[in-house]
Amino acid sequence: MQERLQKLIANAGIASRRHAEELITAGEVTVNGKVITELGTKADPAKDHIKVRGKLINPAIEKRALVHVLLNKPKGCLSSVSDPEDRPTVLQFLPVSLGRLYPVGRLDFNTEGLLLLTNDGEFTNFITSARNKVQKIYEAKVKGVPTEQAIERLRRGVTLEDGTRTAPAKIKRVYETQTNSWFEIILHEGKNQQIRRMFELIGHSVMKLRRSQIGPLRDDKLKPGTWRKLSEQEVKAITTKSKGGRPAGVASHASSRQ
């Protein structure tokens, strides 16, 4: 059966779908000896010889088992497969036996919490696509006590320092002292360091940030630096669009005040 090349490359575990598109446009992909640079080109791995950078990927497409991992990322590491500055990455917490996996989205260096990694290009594409609106829940410790008026600004959406506009967000004040506040934030988007930048905009820096839930996935027993595979049921649950506001199977979430 013919499928788009970028999907086949992602299914072979060579690269994410986005990176696969870059490989195609850069002329790194051939089908039956012909260089392909047009996105949307289809091929049938049962009939066509598909190569990426001169290496035949048909065997990888045939043998590859899909792996979906949930990692509790600690702070102080990158959500990437490598780093030119040789800083630690999330891959250091996974055994080589899992094969080559790629982070689904990212958490910044000093943010901790749940992160998905997989070799499933379709899964990655679904989770990261804005149209599917997979919600993420974060817990933030903020310096100072923002006014309710300031928080309402963030709920409606604000223009960040680079001119980009954030979508409306659900923000719940969980706890506060005279010097600090704790919030639960629900987002359906993922701009770079978005929550930190949002609170900086209203004059309150984020001291600690943790992602506690991705769609219906939550695991409060998963310790920082540890991981587990998702069950087939969990993969199905997170890639099924909810018909109501909240996805089915979402666990109740308690606040974490640290």
Protein backbone atom coordinates (compact mmCIF):
# COMPACT_ATOMS: atom_id res chain seq x y z
CA MET A 1 0.00 0.00 0.00
CA GLN A 2 1.33 3.42 -0.93
CA GLU A 3 1.90 5.94 1.85
CA ARG A 4 3.55 9.33 2.09
CA LEU A 5 7.34 9.13 2.32
CA GLN A 6 7.54 11.23 5.47
CA LYS A 7 5.19 8.80 7.20
CA LEU A 8 7.21 5.77 6.06
CA ILE A 9 10.47 7.36 7.25
CA ALA A 10 8.90 8.14 10.62
CA ASN A 11 7.49 4.61 10.84
CA ALA A 12 10.98 3.24 10.25
CA GLY A 13 12.18 5.11 13.33
CA ILE A 14 14.65 7.15 11.28
CA ALA A 15 13.28 10.56 12.23
CA SER A 16 10.17 12.40 13.34
CA ARG A 17 7.74 13.27 10.57
CA ARG A 18 8.87 16.91 10.58
CA HIS A 19 12.53 15.91 10.33
CA ALA A 20 11.59 13.42 7.61
CA GLU A 21 10.12 16.28 5.58
CA GLU A 22 13.41 18.16 5.96
CA LEU A 23 15.32 15.10 4.74
CA ILE A 24 13.09 14.89 1.67
CA THR A 25 13.38 18.55 0.71
CA ALA A 26 17.16 18.34 1.23
CA GLY A 27 17.38 15.56 -1.37
CA GLU A 28 18.44 12.89 1.14
CA VAL A 29 15.69 10.43 0.13
CA THR A 30 15.53 8.20 -2.95
CA VAL A 31 12.84 5.85 -4.24
CA ASN A 32 14.04 3.20 -6.68
CA GLY A 33 17.21 5.22 -7.20
CA LYS A 34 15.43 8.50 -7.96
CA VAL A 35 15.99 11.47 -5.67
CA ILE A 36 12.68 12.71 -4.24
CA THR A 37 12.33 16.31 -3.05
CA GLU A 38 8.59 16.84 -3.34
CA LEU A 39 6.59 16.50 -0.11
CA GLY A 40 3.52 14.33 -0.47
CA THR A 41 5.25 11.80 -2.72
CA LYS A 42 4.03 8.29 -1.97
CA ALA A 43 5.73 4.90 -2.09
CA ASP A 44 4.91 1.28 -1.32
CA PRO A 45 7.56 -0.36 0.87
CA ALA A 46 6.42 -3.76 -0.39
CA LYS A 47 7.39 -2.82 -3.95
CA ASP A 48 9.67 0.23 -3.84
CA HIS A 49 13.25 0.52 -2.58
CA ILE A 50 13.33 3.49 -0.21
CA LYS A 51 16.67 4.88 0.94
CA VAL A 52 17.55 7.67 3.37
CA ARG A 53 21.08 8.97 2.98
CA GLY A 54 21.88 5.90 0.92
CA LYS A 55 20.61 3.39 3.48
CA LEU A 56 17.70 1.08 2.63
CA ILE A 57 14.96 1.53 5.21
CA ASN A 58 12.50 -1.15 4.00
CA PRO A 59 13.69 -3.75 6.56
CA ALA A 60 13.25 -1.23 9.37
CA ILE A 61 9.69 -0.49 8.24
CA GLU A 62 8.84 -4.20 8.22
CA LYS A 63 10.46 -5.19 11.53
CA ARG A 64 9.87 -2.12 13.59
CA ALA A 65 7.76 -2.44 16.73
CA LEU A 66 6.08 0.71 17.94
CA VAL A 67 7.24 1.88 21.36
CA HIS A 68 5.51 4.52 23.50
CA VAL A 69 7.23 5.61 26.70
CA LEU A 70 6.15 7.89 29.53
CA LEU A 71 9.10 9.49 31.34
CA ASN A 72 9.07 11.66 34.43
CA LYS A 73 11.69 14.17 33.29
CA PRO A 74 13.77 15.70 36.09
CA LYS A 75 14.99 19.27 35.84
CA GLY A 76 18.48 19.83 34.46
CA CYS A 77 18.25 17.89 31.21
CA LEU A 78 17.17 18.59 27.63
CA SER A 79 14.14 17.15 25.82
CA SER A 80 16.22 16.24 22.78
CA VAL A 81 18.21 13.33 21.38
CA SER A 82 21.55 15.18 21.42
CA ASP A 83 23.15 18.48 22.37
CA PRO A 84 26.15 20.22 20.74
CA GLU A 85 27.16 21.52 24.19
CA ASP A 86 27.14 17.98 25.57
CA ARG A 87 24.50 18.73 28.18
CA PRO A 88 22.49 15.77 29.53
CA THR A 89 19.38 14.74 27.58
CA VAL A 90 16.33 12.67 28.47
CA LEU A 91 17.72 9.71 26.51
CA GLN A 92 20.17 9.03 29.34
CA PHE A 93 17.26 7.65 31.37
CA LEU A 94 16.22 5.08 28.74
CA PRO A 95 17.90 1.75 27.95
CA VAL A 96 19.43 1.25 24.51
CA SER A 97 17.25 -1.84 24.12
CA LEU A 98 14.21 0.38 23.49
CA GLY A 99 15.73 1.50 20.19
CA ARG A 100 15.87 5.05 18.89
CA LEU A 101 13.10 7.12 20.42
CA TYR A 102 12.22 10.79 19.99
CA PRO A 103 10.61 13.18 22.47
CA VAL A 104 7.04 14.16 21.67
CA GLY A 105 7.15 17.92 22.11
CA ARG A 106 9.44 19.20 24.82
CA LEU A 107 9.91 20.47 28.33
CA ASP A 108 12.57 23.11 28.86
CA PHE A 109 15.81 22.45 30.74
CA ASN A 110 14.55 23.47 34.18
CA THR A 111 11.01 22.12 33.87
CA GLU A 112 10.20 18.67 35.18
CA GLY A 113 7.33 16.28 34.71
CA LEU A 114 5.74 13.95 32.20
CA LEU A 115 7.24 13.62 28.74
CA LEU A 116 6.34 11.15 26.01
CA LEU A 117 8.98 9.48 23.81
CA THR A 118 8.27 7.23 20.86
CA ASN A 119 9.32 5.89 17.48
CA ASP A 120 5.73 6.21 16.24
CA GLY A 121 5.50 9.09 13.78
CA GLU A 122 1.69 8.98 13.61
CA PHE A 123 1.46 9.17 17.40
CA THR A 124 3.85 12.13 17.53
CA ASN A 125 1.97 13.93 14.79
CA PHE A 126 -1.34 13.52 16.61
CA ILE A 127 -0.08 14.74 19.99
CA THR A 128 1.78 17.76 18.61
CA SER A 129 -0.87 18.87 16.11
CA ALA A 130 -2.65 22.00 17.27
CA ARG A 131 -5.94 20.88 15.75
CA ASN A 132 -6.21 17.91 18.11
CA LYS A 133 -5.92 20.11 21.21
CA VAL A 134 -4.33 17.53 23.50
CA GLN A 135 -4.36 19.31 26.84
CA LYS A 136 -1.39 19.49 29.18
CA ILE A 137 -1.69 20.25 32.89
CA TYR A 138 1.12 22.02 34.73
CA GLU A 139 1.76 22.88 38.36
CA ALA A 140 3.65 26.12 38.92
CA LYS A 141 5.16 27.74 41.98
CA VAL A 142 5.28 31.49 41.41
CA LYS A 143 7.19 34.20 43.25
CA GLY A 144 4.86 36.65 44.92
CA VAL A 145 1.06 36.77 44.89
CA PRO A 146 -0.39 37.88 41.54
CA THR A 147 -3.68 39.73 41.66
CA GLU A 148 -6.81 38.04 40.34
CA GLN A 149 -6.97 40.73 37.67
CA ALA A 150 -3.49 39.78 36.45
CA ILE A 151 -4.37 36.07 36.37
CA GLU A 152 -7.54 36.84 34.44
CA ARG A 153 -5.36 38.51 31.79
CA LEU A 154 -3.43 35.26 31.40
CA ARG A 155 -6.65 33.26 31.20
CA ARG A 156 -7.88 35.36 28.29
CA GLY A 157 -4.57 35.16 26.43
CA VAL A 158 -1.73 37.68 26.28
CA THR A 159 0.76 38.99 23.76
CA LEU A 160 4.25 37.82 24.67
CA GLU A 161 7.42 39.87 24.31
CA ASP A 162 8.08 38.52 20.81
CA GLY A 163 4.63 39.53 19.58
CA THR A 164 3.04 36.09 19.63
CA ARG A 165 -0.39 35.68 21.19
CA THR A 166 -1.22 32.90 23.65
CA ALA A 167 -4.50 31.04 23.43
CA PRO A 168 -6.95 31.21 26.34
CA ALA A 169 -5.84 29.03 29.24
CA LYS A 170 -7.45 27.59 32.35
CA ILE A 171 -5.61 28.80 35.45
CA LYS A 172 -6.58 27.84 38.98
CA ARG A 173 -5.04 29.37 42.07
CA VAL A 174 -4.35 26.37 44.30
CA TYR A 175 -2.55 27.82 47.31
CA GLU A 176 -0.68 30.92 48.43
CA THR A 177 1.40 32.35 51.25
CA GLN A 178 2.51 35.92 51.83
CA THR A 179 5.50 35.37 49.53
CA ASN A 180 4.60 32.65 46.99
CA SER A 181 1.68 31.25 45.02
CA TRP A 182 0.85 27.87 43.46
CA PHE A 183 -1.21 27.51 40.29
CA GLU A 184 -2.57 24.77 38.09
CA ILE A 185 -2.45 25.69 34.39
CA ILE A 186 -4.15 23.83 31.55
CA LEU A 187 -2.85 24.51 28.04
CA HIS A 188 -3.65 23.15 24.60
CA GLU A 189 -0.57 24.70 22.99
CA GLY A 190 3.14 24.64 23.68
CA LYS A 191 5.07 27.78 22.87
CA ASN A 192 8.69 27.82 24.04
CA GLN A 193 8.77 28.42 27.83
CA GLN A 194 5.21 29.70 27.53
CA ILE A 195 4.15 29.54 31.18
CA ARG A 196 7.35 31.17 32.42
CA ARG A 197 6.97 33.96 29.86
CA MET A 198 3.29 34.46 30.70
CA PHE A 199 3.96 35.00 34.39
CA GLU A 200 7.02 37.18 33.70
CA LEU A 201 4.69 39.40 31.70
CA ILE A 202 2.64 40.14 34.82
CA GLY A 203 5.75 40.62 36.95
CA HIS A 204 5.95 37.25 38.72
CA SER A 205 8.68 34.73 37.96
CA VAL A 206 8.06 30.98 37.96
CA MET A 207 10.24 29.32 40.60
CA LYS A 208 9.24 25.73 39.87
CA LEU A 209 7.30 24.15 37.02
CA ARG A 210 6.10 20.59 36.57
CA ARG A 211 3.91 18.96 33.92
CA SER A 212 1.60 16.56 35.73
CA GLN A 213 -0.66 15.37 32.93
CA ILE A 214 -0.77 14.91 29.13
CA GLY A 215 -4.30 14.37 27.83
CA PRO A 216 -5.65 11.51 29.99
CA LEU A 217 -2.16 10.37 31.04
CA ARG A 218 -1.13 10.90 34.63
CA ASP A 219 1.11 8.86 36.90
CA ASP A 220 1.86 10.33 40.31
CA LYS A 221 3.82 7.20 41.29
CA LEU A 222 6.40 7.65 38.52
CA LYS A 223 9.51 9.09 40.17
CA PRO A 224 11.75 11.68 38.46
CA GLY A 225 14.17 9.97 36.08
CA THR A 226 12.07 6.83 35.76
CA TRP A 227 9.90 5.65 32.88
CA ARG A 228 7.38 3.05 31.81
CA LYS A 229 5.79 1.88 28.57
CA LEU A 230 2.27 2.95 27.75
CA SER A 231 -0.35 0.24 27.47
CA GLU A 232 -2.32 -0.18 24.25
CA GLN A 233 -5.32 1.20 26.11
CA GLU A 234 -3.41 4.34 27.08
CA VAL A 235 -2.16 4.91 23.52
CA LYS A 236 -5.73 4.58 22.27
CA ALA A 237 -7.07 6.89 24.98
CA ILE A 238 -4.66 9.74 24.26
CA THR A 239 -5.11 9.54 20.49
CA THR A 240 -8.90 9.56 20.69
CA LYS A 241 -10.39 13.03 20.53
CA SER A 242 -12.72 13.77 23.39
CA LYS A 243 -16.35 14.55 22.55
CA GLY A 244 -16.70 16.74 25.60
CA GLY A 245 -14.38 19.19 27.29
CA ARG A 246 -12.30 16.68 29.23
CA PRO A 247 -10.88 13.45 27.80
CA ALA A 248 -12.29 10.22 29.15
CA GLY A 249 -10.19 8.51 31.78
CA VAL A 250 -8.54 11.62 33.20
CA ALA A 251 -7.59 11.04 36.80
CA SER A 252 -8.40 13.58 39.44
CA HIS A 253 -5.39 15.75 40.17
CA ALA A 254 -4.18 16.91 43.51
CA SER A 255 -1.98 19.95 43.92
CA SER A 256 1.71 19.60 44.76
CA ARG A 257 3.01 22.36 47.01
CA GLN A 258 6.76 22.11 47.35
